[in-house]
Amino acid sequence: MPSRLINTPTSPSRLVVGISGASGFRYGLRALQLLKDTPIETHLVVSQAGHLNRKHETNVSEDELYALADVVHPLRAVGASISSGSFKTLGMLVAPCSMHTLASIANGVTDNLLTRAADVVLKERRKLVLLARETPLHLGHLKNMYQVSEYGAIVFPPVPALYANPQSVDEIITHSVLRALSLFGIDHEMLPRWGEQGGPSLNEEGSRE
């Protein structure tokens, strides 16, 4: 069943999706599933550790993953289209974003296509959304988050939105991914918004409806 987007951004409708090695491979997978059969052209790059987590956390094969993206870029293809600022995109979603990838982006280390693409997004002043996955956080992690935020990135830890009363792990993952996609102007009918029709709200006594 095709995904139903409420609205789509104007051209160029391309989004780079990076999957790095933090636990939470399903966040990147769900993003690709939601964007499949929509007007958004997806460009996928996966780190080696990202593939390891794919094997540990899901039964999804490499071919099945790649079939969800419009374009797949090898990690070492540093001359790929997404490595250039002249290749226009809406930005980049890194889901999940490991602390290693976060540190590389925060310090301008562009030793593979994933971090190079993220660096390009920052220098072109486009949206970079990082679903940072780690807990607890030490000071180095926090400093790197602060630093990428100063550069213009959005640090988006996929914290469960329990107010939405999720009934499954998939609903928790989907809600976080939809919220992240909405930061690019990509809205979906599956995302309930606080205080809007169909979304949760507070009644006069202050309890959730």
N, C-alpha and C. Protein backbone atom coordinates (compact mmCIF):
# COMPACT_ATOMS: atom_id res chain seq x y z
N MET A 1 0.84 -1.20 0.00
CA MET A 1 0.00 0.00 0.00
C MET A 1 0.88 1.25 0.00
N PRO A 2 0.73 2.14 -1.00
CA PRO A 2 1.59 3.32 -1.06
C PRO A 2 1.39 4.21 0.16
N SER A 3 2.47 4.86 0.59
CA SER A 3 2.38 5.82 1.68
C SER A 3 1.61 7.03 1.19
N ARG A 4 0.80 7.61 2.07
CA ARG A 4 0.01 8.78 1.72
C ARG A 4 0.58 9.99 2.43
N LEU A 5 1.22 10.85 1.66
CA LEU A 5 1.76 12.08 2.21
C LEU A 5 0.69 13.16 2.17
N ILE A 6 0.61 13.95 3.22
CA ILE A 6 -0.34 15.06 3.25
C ILE A 6 0.13 16.17 2.32
N ASN A 7 1.41 16.47 2.40
CA ASN A 7 1.99 17.45 1.49
C ASN A 7 3.45 17.11 1.27
N THR A 8 3.97 17.53 0.17
CA THR A 8 5.37 17.28 -0.15
C THR A 8 6.06 18.61 -0.42
N PRO A 9 7.35 18.68 -0.14
CA PRO A 9 8.08 19.92 -0.40
C PRO A 9 8.26 20.15 -1.88
N THR A 10 8.57 21.38 -2.25
CA THR A 10 8.80 21.69 -3.65
C THR A 10 10.15 21.15 -4.08
N SER A 11 10.36 21.10 -5.37
CA SER A 11 11.62 20.59 -5.93
C SER A 11 12.81 21.36 -5.38
N PRO A 12 13.95 20.70 -5.10
CA PRO A 12 14.22 19.28 -5.37
C PRO A 12 13.70 18.38 -4.26
N SER A 13 12.98 17.34 -4.61
CA SER A 13 12.41 16.43 -3.63
C SER A 13 13.31 15.21 -3.45
N ARG A 14 14.53 15.47 -3.00
CA ARG A 14 15.47 14.39 -2.71
C ARG A 14 15.85 14.44 -1.25
N LEU A 15 15.95 13.28 -0.63
CA LEU A 15 16.39 13.20 0.76
C LEU A 15 17.47 12.14 0.89
N VAL A 16 18.59 12.52 1.52
CA VAL A 16 19.64 11.55 1.79
C VAL A 16 19.33 10.87 3.12
N VAL A 17 19.40 9.55 3.13
CA VAL A 17 19.16 8.78 4.35
C VAL A 17 20.45 8.02 4.67
N GLY A 18 21.01 8.30 5.83
CA GLY A 18 22.19 7.58 6.29
C GLY A 18 21.83 6.66 7.44
N ILE A 19 22.36 5.45 7.42
CA ILE A 19 22.15 4.50 8.52
C ILE A 19 23.52 4.14 9.06
N SER A 20 23.78 4.53 10.31
CA SER A 20 25.08 4.24 10.91
C SER A 20 24.94 3.12 11.94
N GLY A 21 25.99 2.91 12.73
CA GLY A 21 26.08 1.68 13.50
C GLY A 21 25.48 1.66 14.89
N ALA A 22 24.70 2.65 15.27
CA ALA A 22 24.04 2.59 16.58
C ALA A 22 22.90 1.58 16.55
N SER A 23 22.54 1.09 17.73
CA SER A 23 21.35 0.25 17.81
C SER A 23 20.15 1.08 17.38
N GLY A 24 19.28 0.46 16.59
CA GLY A 24 18.12 1.19 16.09
C GLY A 24 18.07 1.22 14.58
N PHE A 25 18.57 0.17 13.94
CA PHE A 25 18.53 0.07 12.48
C PHE A 25 17.12 0.29 11.95
N ARG A 26 16.13 -0.11 12.73
CA ARG A 26 14.75 -0.03 12.24
C ARG A 26 14.27 1.40 12.04
N TYR A 27 14.92 2.37 12.63
CA TYR A 27 14.54 3.76 12.38
C TYR A 27 14.82 4.14 10.93
N GLY A 28 16.01 3.82 10.45
CA GLY A 28 16.33 4.11 9.07
C GLY A 28 15.49 3.29 8.11
N LEU A 29 15.28 2.03 8.47
CA LEU A 29 14.45 1.14 7.65
C LEU A 29 13.04 1.70 7.53
N ARG A 30 12.48 2.15 8.64
CA ARG A 30 11.10 2.67 8.62
C ARG A 30 11.02 3.95 7.81
N ALA A 31 12.04 4.78 7.87
CA ALA A 31 12.04 6.00 7.07
C ALA A 31 11.94 5.67 5.58
N LEU A 32 12.74 4.69 5.15
CA LEU A 32 12.71 4.29 3.74
C LEU A 32 11.36 3.69 3.37
N GLN A 33 10.77 2.91 4.27
CA GLN A 33 9.46 2.31 3.99
C GLN A 33 8.39 3.39 3.83
N LEU A 34 8.44 4.40 4.69
CA LEU A 34 7.44 5.47 4.63
C LEU A 34 7.60 6.33 3.39
N LEU A 35 8.82 6.46 2.91
CA LEU A 35 9.08 7.31 1.75
C LEU A 35 8.96 6.56 0.42
N LYS A 36 8.90 5.24 0.50
CA LYS A 36 8.78 4.43 -0.71
C LYS A 36 7.46 4.75 -1.41
N ASP A 37 7.47 4.83 -2.73
CA ASP A 37 6.28 5.12 -3.53
C ASP A 37 5.69 6.50 -3.22
N THR A 38 6.55 7.43 -2.83
CA THR A 38 6.15 8.83 -2.67
C THR A 38 6.98 9.65 -3.65
N PRO A 39 6.69 10.93 -3.81
CA PRO A 39 7.48 11.77 -4.73
C PRO A 39 8.90 12.07 -4.23
N ILE A 40 9.22 11.66 -3.00
CA ILE A 40 10.54 11.93 -2.45
C ILE A 40 11.54 10.91 -2.97
N GLU A 41 12.60 11.39 -3.61
CA GLU A 41 13.67 10.53 -4.11
C GLU A 41 14.68 10.30 -2.99
N THR A 42 14.86 9.03 -2.61
CA THR A 42 15.74 8.73 -1.49
C THR A 42 17.11 8.26 -1.97
N HIS A 43 18.15 8.78 -1.30
CA HIS A 43 19.53 8.40 -1.58
C HIS A 43 20.10 7.79 -0.29
N LEU A 44 20.42 6.51 -0.34
CA LEU A 44 20.79 5.76 0.84
C LEU A 44 22.29 5.48 0.90
N VAL A 45 22.86 5.66 2.11
CA VAL A 45 24.24 5.24 2.37
C VAL A 45 24.27 4.61 3.75
N VAL A 46 24.88 3.44 3.85
CA VAL A 46 24.88 2.66 5.10
C VAL A 46 26.32 2.36 5.50
N SER A 47 26.64 2.57 6.77
CA SER A 47 27.98 2.25 7.25
C SER A 47 28.13 0.74 7.44
N GLN A 48 29.38 0.29 7.60
CA GLN A 48 29.62 -1.13 7.83
C GLN A 48 28.95 -1.59 9.13
N ALA A 49 29.05 -0.76 10.16
CA ALA A 49 28.41 -1.12 11.43
C ALA A 49 26.90 -1.08 11.31
N GLY A 50 26.39 -0.24 10.41
CA GLY A 50 24.96 -0.22 10.16
C GLY A 50 24.47 -1.55 9.60
N HIS A 51 25.27 -2.13 8.71
CA HIS A 51 24.91 -3.45 8.17
C HIS A 51 25.01 -4.53 9.26
N LEU A 52 25.96 -4.41 10.15
CA LEU A 52 26.05 -5.37 11.25
C LEU A 52 24.79 -5.33 12.10
N ASN A 53 24.31 -4.13 12.41
CA ASN A 53 23.09 -4.02 13.20
C ASN A 53 21.88 -4.50 12.43
N ARG A 54 21.89 -4.32 11.10
CA ARG A 54 20.79 -4.87 10.29
C ARG A 54 20.67 -6.37 10.51
N LYS A 55 21.83 -7.05 10.54
CA LYS A 55 21.84 -8.50 10.71
C LYS A 55 21.44 -8.90 12.13
N HIS A 56 21.87 -8.11 13.12
CA HIS A 56 21.58 -8.44 14.52
C HIS A 56 20.13 -8.13 14.90
N GLU A 57 19.58 -7.07 14.35
CA GLU A 57 18.30 -6.55 14.84
C GLU A 57 17.10 -6.87 13.96
N THR A 58 17.34 -7.30 12.73
CA THR A 58 16.23 -7.59 11.82
C THR A 58 16.54 -8.83 10.98
N ASN A 59 15.53 -9.25 10.22
CA ASN A 59 15.71 -10.32 9.24
C ASN A 59 15.76 -9.75 7.83
N VAL A 60 15.97 -8.45 7.71
CA VAL A 60 15.99 -7.77 6.42
C VAL A 60 17.34 -8.01 5.73
N SER A 61 17.30 -8.46 4.50
CA SER A 61 18.54 -8.69 3.75
C SER A 61 19.04 -7.37 3.16
N GLU A 62 20.28 -7.39 2.73
CA GLU A 62 20.85 -6.21 2.09
C GLU A 62 20.05 -5.83 0.85
N ASP A 63 19.67 -6.83 0.05
CA ASP A 63 18.91 -6.56 -1.17
C ASP A 63 17.55 -5.97 -0.84
N GLU A 64 16.89 -6.48 0.20
CA GLU A 64 15.58 -5.95 0.59
C GLU A 64 15.69 -4.50 1.04
N LEU A 65 16.76 -4.20 1.77
CA LEU A 65 16.98 -2.82 2.21
C LEU A 65 17.19 -1.91 1.01
N TYR A 66 18.07 -2.32 0.12
CA TYR A 66 18.41 -1.48 -1.02
C TYR A 66 17.21 -1.27 -1.95
N ALA A 67 16.31 -2.23 -1.99
CA ALA A 67 15.13 -2.11 -2.86
C ALA A 67 14.20 -0.98 -2.40
N LEU A 68 14.34 -0.56 -1.16
CA LEU A 68 13.47 0.50 -0.64
C LEU A 68 13.94 1.89 -1.06
N ALA A 69 15.18 2.01 -1.46
CA ALA A 69 15.75 3.32 -1.82
C ALA A 69 15.73 3.51 -3.33
N ASP A 70 15.66 4.76 -3.74
CA ASP A 70 15.73 5.06 -5.17
C ASP A 70 17.16 4.95 -5.68
N VAL A 71 18.11 5.40 -4.87
CA VAL A 71 19.52 5.34 -5.23
C VAL A 71 20.30 4.86 -4.01
N VAL A 72 21.20 3.91 -4.21
CA VAL A 72 22.06 3.40 -3.14
C VAL A 72 23.50 3.76 -3.47
N HIS A 73 24.19 4.36 -2.49
CA HIS A 73 25.57 4.77 -2.69
C HIS A 73 26.49 3.94 -1.80
N PRO A 74 27.54 3.35 -2.35
CA PRO A 74 28.52 2.63 -1.52
C PRO A 74 29.19 3.59 -0.54
N LEU A 75 29.54 3.07 0.62
CA LEU A 75 30.11 3.89 1.68
C LEU A 75 31.41 4.55 1.25
N ARG A 76 32.19 3.89 0.41
CA ARG A 76 33.50 4.42 0.01
C ARG A 76 33.44 5.24 -1.27
N ALA A 77 32.25 5.44 -1.82
CA ALA A 77 32.12 6.19 -3.07
C ALA A 77 32.09 7.69 -2.77
N VAL A 78 33.24 8.21 -2.37
CA VAL A 78 33.31 9.61 -1.93
C VAL A 78 33.12 10.59 -3.08
N GLY A 79 33.07 10.10 -4.31
CA GLY A 79 32.79 10.97 -5.45
C GLY A 79 31.35 10.88 -5.91
N ALA A 80 30.47 10.28 -5.10
CA ALA A 80 29.06 10.14 -5.47
C ALA A 80 28.37 11.49 -5.51
N SER A 81 27.19 11.52 -6.10
CA SER A 81 26.45 12.77 -6.26
C SER A 81 26.22 13.49 -4.93
N ILE A 82 25.91 12.73 -3.88
CA ILE A 82 25.57 13.35 -2.60
C ILE A 82 26.79 13.90 -1.87
N SER A 83 27.98 13.71 -2.46
CA SER A 83 29.18 14.28 -1.86
C SER A 83 29.43 15.71 -2.34
N SER A 84 28.56 16.20 -3.22
CA SER A 84 28.73 17.53 -3.79
C SER A 84 27.57 18.44 -3.41
N GLY A 85 27.90 19.67 -3.06
CA GLY A 85 26.86 20.64 -2.73
C GLY A 85 26.05 21.06 -3.93
N SER A 86 26.55 20.85 -5.14
CA SER A 86 25.81 21.21 -6.34
C SER A 86 24.64 20.26 -6.60
N PHE A 87 24.66 19.10 -5.91
CA PHE A 87 23.55 18.14 -6.02
C PHE A 87 22.51 18.53 -4.97
N LYS A 88 21.42 19.11 -5.42
CA LYS A 88 20.46 19.69 -4.50
C LYS A 88 19.59 18.62 -3.82
N THR A 89 19.45 18.76 -2.53
CA THR A 89 18.60 17.86 -1.74
C THR A 89 17.85 18.68 -0.69
N LEU A 90 16.88 18.03 -0.06
CA LEU A 90 16.20 18.64 1.08
C LEU A 90 17.09 18.62 2.31
N GLY A 91 18.06 17.73 2.31
CA GLY A 91 18.94 17.56 3.46
C GLY A 91 19.20 16.09 3.69
N MET A 92 19.52 15.76 4.93
CA MET A 92 19.91 14.39 5.26
C MET A 92 19.38 13.98 6.62
N LEU A 93 18.87 12.76 6.67
CA LEU A 93 18.44 12.13 7.91
C LEU A 93 19.41 11.00 8.21
N VAL A 94 20.01 11.03 9.40
CA VAL A 94 20.88 9.93 9.82
C VAL A 94 20.13 9.18 10.93
N ALA A 95 19.69 7.96 10.60
CA ALA A 95 18.81 7.22 11.50
C ALA A 95 19.15 5.73 11.47
N PRO A 96 19.76 5.24 12.55
CA PRO A 96 20.21 5.96 13.74
C PRO A 96 21.57 6.63 13.50
N CYS A 97 21.91 7.51 14.41
CA CYS A 97 23.21 8.17 14.36
C CYS A 97 24.04 7.71 15.55
N SER A 98 25.12 7.00 15.28
CA SER A 98 26.00 6.52 16.35
C SER A 98 26.82 7.67 16.90
N MET A 99 27.40 7.47 18.07
CA MET A 99 28.26 8.48 18.66
C MET A 99 29.53 8.65 17.83
N HIS A 100 29.98 7.60 17.17
CA HIS A 100 31.14 7.70 16.27
C HIS A 100 30.82 8.61 15.10
N THR A 101 29.66 8.40 14.49
CA THR A 101 29.25 9.24 13.36
C THR A 101 29.01 10.68 13.82
N LEU A 102 28.38 10.85 14.96
CA LEU A 102 28.17 12.18 15.52
C LEU A 102 29.49 12.91 15.72
N ALA A 103 30.47 12.21 16.31
CA ALA A 103 31.77 12.83 16.57
C ALA A 103 32.46 13.20 15.26
N SER A 104 32.35 12.35 14.25
CA SER A 104 32.96 12.65 12.95
C SER A 104 32.35 13.90 12.34
N ILE A 105 31.02 13.99 12.37
CA ILE A 105 30.34 15.14 11.80
C ILE A 105 30.70 16.41 12.58
N ALA A 106 30.71 16.29 13.91
CA ALA A 106 31.00 17.45 14.76
C ALA A 106 32.40 17.99 14.54
N ASN A 107 33.32 17.12 14.11
CA ASN A 107 34.72 17.54 13.95
C ASN A 107 35.17 17.59 12.50
N GLY A 108 34.20 17.52 11.59
CA GLY A 108 34.52 17.66 10.17
C GLY A 108 35.34 16.53 9.59
N VAL A 109 35.22 15.35 10.16
CA VAL A 109 35.95 14.18 9.65
C VAL A 109 35.10 13.52 8.57
N THR A 110 35.53 13.65 7.32
CA THR A 110 34.73 13.16 6.19
C THR A 110 35.45 12.00 5.51
N ASP A 111 35.67 10.92 6.27
CA ASP A 111 36.45 9.80 5.76
C ASP A 111 35.60 8.73 5.09
N ASN A 112 34.30 8.93 4.99
CA ASN A 112 33.45 8.04 4.20
C ASN A 112 32.28 8.86 3.66
N LEU A 113 31.47 8.25 2.80
CA LEU A 113 30.42 9.01 2.13
C LEU A 113 29.34 9.47 3.09
N LEU A 114 29.07 8.70 4.13
CA LEU A 114 28.03 9.11 5.08
C LEU A 114 28.39 10.42 5.76
N THR A 115 29.60 10.49 6.29
CA THR A 115 29.99 11.72 6.98
C THR A 115 30.26 12.85 5.99
N ARG A 116 30.74 12.53 4.80
CA ARG A 116 30.94 13.55 3.77
C ARG A 116 29.60 14.17 3.37
N ALA A 117 28.58 13.32 3.16
CA ALA A 117 27.26 13.82 2.78
C ALA A 117 26.69 14.72 3.86
N ALA A 118 26.89 14.34 5.12
CA ALA A 118 26.41 15.16 6.23
C ALA A 118 27.13 16.50 6.26
N ASP A 119 28.43 16.47 6.00
CA ASP A 119 29.23 17.70 5.98
C ASP A 119 28.77 18.63 4.86
N VAL A 120 28.44 18.05 3.72
CA VAL A 120 27.93 18.84 2.59
C VAL A 120 26.62 19.52 2.95
N VAL A 121 25.74 18.78 3.60
CA VAL A 121 24.45 19.33 4.02
C VAL A 121 24.66 20.54 4.93
N LEU A 122 25.60 20.42 5.85
CA LEU A 122 25.87 21.53 6.77
C LEU A 122 26.44 22.74 6.03
N LYS A 123 27.40 22.50 5.15
CA LYS A 123 28.03 23.64 4.48
C LYS A 123 27.08 24.34 3.53
N GLU A 124 26.09 23.60 3.01
CA GLU A 124 25.10 24.18 2.11
C GLU A 124 23.90 24.75 2.87
N ARG A 125 23.96 24.68 4.21
CA ARG A 125 22.89 25.21 5.08
C ARG A 125 21.54 24.52 4.83
N ARG A 126 21.62 23.21 4.63
CA ARG A 126 20.41 22.40 4.49
C ARG A 126 20.13 21.69 5.80
N LYS A 127 19.02 21.00 5.88
CA LYS A 127 18.62 20.32 7.11
C LYS A 127 19.42 19.04 7.31
N LEU A 128 19.99 18.90 8.50
CA LEU A 128 20.64 17.66 8.90
C LEU A 128 20.01 17.23 10.22
N VAL A 129 19.33 16.09 10.20
CA VAL A 129 18.63 15.58 11.38
C VAL A 129 19.29 14.29 11.82
N LEU A 130 19.77 14.28 13.06
CA LEU A 130 20.53 13.15 13.58
C LEU A 130 19.75 12.44 14.69
N LEU A 131 19.31 11.21 14.43
CA LEU A 131 18.63 10.42 15.45
C LEU A 131 19.70 9.75 16.32
N ALA A 132 20.24 10.54 17.24
CA ALA A 132 21.35 10.09 18.07
C ALA A 132 20.89 9.02 19.06
N ARG A 133 21.60 7.88 19.04
CA ARG A 133 21.22 6.74 19.86
C ARG A 133 22.36 6.34 20.77
N GLU A 134 22.25 6.71 22.03
CA GLU A 134 23.20 6.27 23.05
C GLU A 134 22.65 6.66 24.42
N THR A 135 22.95 5.88 25.42
CA THR A 135 22.58 6.24 26.78
C THR A 135 23.35 5.35 27.75
N PRO A 136 23.82 5.90 28.86
CA PRO A 136 23.84 7.32 29.21
C PRO A 136 24.87 8.06 28.37
N LEU A 137 24.84 9.39 28.47
CA LEU A 137 25.73 10.23 27.68
C LEU A 137 26.84 10.79 28.55
N HIS A 138 28.08 10.71 28.05
CA HIS A 138 29.15 11.38 28.80
C HIS A 138 29.37 12.77 28.21
N LEU A 139 30.27 13.53 28.81
CA LEU A 139 30.44 14.91 28.42
C LEU A 139 30.88 15.07 26.97
N GLY A 140 31.70 14.13 26.48
CA GLY A 140 32.12 14.19 25.09
C GLY A 140 30.95 14.09 24.13
N HIS A 141 30.00 13.18 24.42
CA HIS A 141 28.80 13.07 23.60
C HIS A 141 28.04 14.38 23.58
N LEU A 142 27.84 14.95 24.76
CA LEU A 142 27.07 16.18 24.88
C LEU A 142 27.76 17.34 24.17
N LYS A 143 29.09 17.40 24.27
CA LYS A 143 29.82 18.46 23.59
C LYS A 143 29.69 18.33 22.07
N ASN A 144 29.72 17.10 21.57
CA ASN A 144 29.56 16.90 20.13
C ASN A 144 28.15 17.28 19.68
N MET A 145 27.15 16.97 20.50
CA MET A 145 25.78 17.38 20.18
C MET A 145 25.67 18.90 20.15
N TYR A 146 26.29 19.54 21.13
CA TYR A 146 26.29 21.00 21.18
C TYR A 146 26.97 21.58 19.95
N GLN A 147 28.08 20.97 19.56
CA GLN A 147 28.85 21.48 18.43
C GLN A 147 28.09 21.36 17.12
N VAL A 148 27.48 20.19 16.85
CA VAL A 148 26.74 20.04 15.60
C VAL A 148 25.51 20.94 15.59
N SER A 149 24.93 21.19 16.76
CA SER A 149 23.79 22.10 16.84
C SER A 149 24.23 23.52 16.47
N GLU A 150 25.42 23.91 16.92
CA GLU A 150 25.96 25.22 16.53
C GLU A 150 26.14 25.32 15.02
N TYR A 151 26.48 24.21 14.37
CA TYR A 151 26.68 24.20 12.93
C TYR A 151 25.35 24.24 12.17
N GLY A 152 24.26 23.96 12.86
CA GLY A 152 22.95 23.99 12.22
C GLY A 152 22.22 22.66 12.16
N ALA A 153 22.85 21.60 12.66
CA ALA A 153 22.18 20.29 12.68
C ALA A 153 21.11 20.25 13.76
N ILE A 154 20.19 19.33 13.61
CA ILE A 154 19.15 19.08 14.60
C ILE A 154 19.41 17.72 15.23
N VAL A 155 19.69 17.71 16.52
CA VAL A 155 19.90 16.45 17.25
C VAL A 155 18.54 15.96 17.71
N PHE A 156 18.16 14.79 17.27
CA PHE A 156 16.80 14.27 17.48
C PHE A 156 16.88 12.88 18.11
N PRO A 157 17.13 12.78 19.41
CA PRO A 157 17.10 11.45 20.04
C PRO A 157 15.69 10.87 19.90
N PRO A 158 15.55 9.65 19.43
CA PRO A 158 14.22 9.07 19.22
C PRO A 158 13.56 8.63 20.53
N VAL A 159 13.19 9.63 21.32
CA VAL A 159 12.55 9.36 22.62
C VAL A 159 11.09 8.98 22.39
N PRO A 160 10.60 7.88 22.97
CA PRO A 160 9.21 7.47 22.74
C PRO A 160 8.22 8.55 23.16
N ALA A 161 7.25 8.81 22.31
CA ALA A 161 6.18 9.77 22.62
C ALA A 161 5.03 9.00 23.26
N LEU A 162 5.10 8.82 24.56
CA LEU A 162 4.11 7.98 25.25
C LEU A 162 2.74 8.63 25.29
N TYR A 163 2.67 9.96 25.08
CA TYR A 163 1.37 10.62 25.06
C TYR A 163 0.51 10.14 23.89
N ALA A 164 1.16 9.56 22.87
CA ALA A 164 0.43 9.03 21.72
C ALA A 164 -0.16 7.65 21.99
N ASN A 165 0.12 7.12 23.21
CA ASN A 165 -0.41 5.82 23.63
C ASN A 165 -0.06 4.72 22.63
N PRO A 166 1.22 4.52 22.32
CA PRO A 166 1.61 3.50 21.35
C PRO A 166 1.27 2.10 21.86
N GLN A 167 0.88 1.24 20.93
CA GLN A 167 0.50 -0.12 21.26
C GLN A 167 1.54 -1.16 20.86
N SER A 168 2.61 -0.71 20.23
CA SER A 168 3.63 -1.64 19.78
C SER A 168 4.95 -0.90 19.59
N VAL A 169 6.02 -1.68 19.50
CA VAL A 169 7.34 -1.09 19.22
C VAL A 169 7.32 -0.41 17.87
N ASP A 170 6.65 -1.02 16.90
CA ASP A 170 6.58 -0.43 15.56
C ASP A 170 5.92 0.94 15.60
N GLU A 171 4.89 1.12 16.41
CA GLU A 171 4.23 2.42 16.51
C GLU A 171 5.17 3.45 17.12
N ILE A 172 5.97 3.04 18.10
CA ILE A 172 6.93 3.96 18.72
C ILE A 172 7.96 4.41 17.68
N ILE A 173 8.50 3.45 16.92
CA ILE A 173 9.49 3.76 15.89
C ILE A 173 8.88 4.65 14.81
N THR A 174 7.69 4.30 14.36
CA THR A 174 7.04 5.06 13.30
C THR A 174 6.79 6.50 13.72
N HIS A 175 6.34 6.72 14.94
CA HIS A 175 6.06 8.08 15.41
C HIS A 175 7.34 8.92 15.40
N SER A 176 8.43 8.36 15.90
CA SER A 176 9.70 9.10 15.91
C SER A 176 10.15 9.44 14.49
N VAL A 177 10.05 8.49 13.59
CA VAL A 177 10.48 8.71 12.22
C VAL A 177 9.61 9.77 11.53
N LEU A 178 8.31 9.69 11.75
CA LEU A 178 7.42 10.68 11.15
C LEU A 178 7.71 12.09 11.67
N ARG A 179 8.01 12.19 12.97
CA ARG A 179 8.36 13.50 13.54
C ARG A 179 9.65 14.02 12.92
N ALA A 180 10.61 13.12 12.71
CA ALA A 180 11.87 13.53 12.09
C ALA A 180 11.64 13.98 10.64
N LEU A 181 10.84 13.23 9.89
CA LEU A 181 10.56 13.60 8.51
C LEU A 181 9.82 14.92 8.40
N SER A 182 8.99 15.21 9.40
CA SER A 182 8.24 16.46 9.36
C SER A 182 9.16 17.67 9.45
N LEU A 183 10.36 17.49 9.99
CA LEU A 183 11.33 18.59 10.05
C LEU A 183 11.82 18.99 8.66
N PHE A 184 11.66 18.11 7.69
CA PHE A 184 12.01 18.42 6.31
C PHE A 184 10.81 18.95 5.52
N GLY A 185 9.69 19.13 6.20
CA GLY A 185 8.47 19.55 5.52
C GLY A 185 7.72 18.40 4.90
N ILE A 186 8.04 17.18 5.31
CA ILE A 186 7.38 15.99 4.79
C ILE A 186 6.37 15.52 5.84
N ASP A 187 5.11 15.75 5.60
CA ASP A 187 4.07 15.39 6.56
C ASP A 187 3.29 14.17 6.08
N HIS A 188 2.79 13.40 7.02
CA HIS A 188 2.11 12.14 6.72
C HIS A 188 0.86 12.06 7.58
N GLU A 189 -0.18 11.48 7.01
CA GLU A 189 -1.45 11.40 7.73
C GLU A 189 -1.38 10.50 8.97
N MET A 190 -0.36 9.66 9.05
CA MET A 190 -0.23 8.77 10.21
C MET A 190 0.27 9.49 11.46
N LEU A 191 0.73 10.73 11.30
CA LEU A 191 1.31 11.45 12.43
C LEU A 191 0.25 12.29 13.13
N PRO A 192 -0.20 11.87 14.35
CA PRO A 192 -1.14 12.71 15.10
C PRO A 192 -0.41 13.87 15.74
N ARG A 193 -0.99 15.05 15.64
CA ARG A 193 -0.35 16.23 16.20
C ARG A 193 -1.13 16.73 17.41
N TRP A 194 -0.39 17.15 18.41
CA TRP A 194 -0.97 17.59 19.67
C TRP A 194 -1.95 18.74 19.44
N GLY A 195 -3.17 18.57 19.95
CA GLY A 195 -4.17 19.62 19.88
C GLY A 195 -4.90 19.73 18.56
N GLU A 196 -4.51 18.91 17.56
CA GLU A 196 -5.19 18.94 16.28
C GLU A 196 -6.18 17.78 16.19
N GLN A 197 -7.08 17.87 15.24
CA GLN A 197 -8.10 16.84 15.08
C GLN A 197 -7.46 15.47 14.89
N GLY A 198 -7.89 14.52 15.71
CA GLY A 198 -7.34 13.18 15.64
C GLY A 198 -6.12 12.96 16.49
N GLY A 199 -5.57 14.04 17.05
CA GLY A 199 -4.39 13.93 17.89
C GLY A 199 -4.75 14.02 19.36
N PRO A 200 -3.83 13.69 20.25
CA PRO A 200 -4.09 13.76 21.69
C PRO A 200 -4.18 15.20 22.17
N SER A 201 -4.85 15.40 23.29
CA SER A 201 -4.96 16.74 23.87
C SER A 201 -5.27 16.60 25.35
N LEU A 202 -5.39 17.73 26.03
CA LEU A 202 -5.76 17.74 27.44
C LEU A 202 -7.18 18.25 27.59
N ASN A 203 -7.96 17.61 28.47
CA ASN A 203 -9.29 18.14 28.73
C ASN A 203 -9.21 19.25 29.77
N GLU A 204 -10.32 19.79 30.17
CA GLU A 204 -10.34 20.94 31.07
C GLU A 204 -9.75 20.61 32.43
N GLU A 205 -9.81 19.35 32.84
CA GLU A 205 -9.27 18.95 34.15
C GLU A 205 -7.77 18.68 34.08
N GLY A 206 -7.20 18.77 32.89
CA GLY A 206 -5.76 18.59 32.76
C GLY A 206 -5.34 17.16 32.48
N SER A 207 -6.28 16.26 32.26
CA SER A 207 -5.91 14.88 31.95
C SER A 207 -5.96 14.69 30.43
N ARG A 208 -5.26 13.66 29.97
CA ARG A 208 -5.21 13.42 28.52
C ARG A 208 -6.51 12.79 28.07
N GLU A 209 -6.97 13.24 26.92
CA GLU A 209 -8.19 12.67 26.34
C GLU A 209 -7.87 11.45 25.51
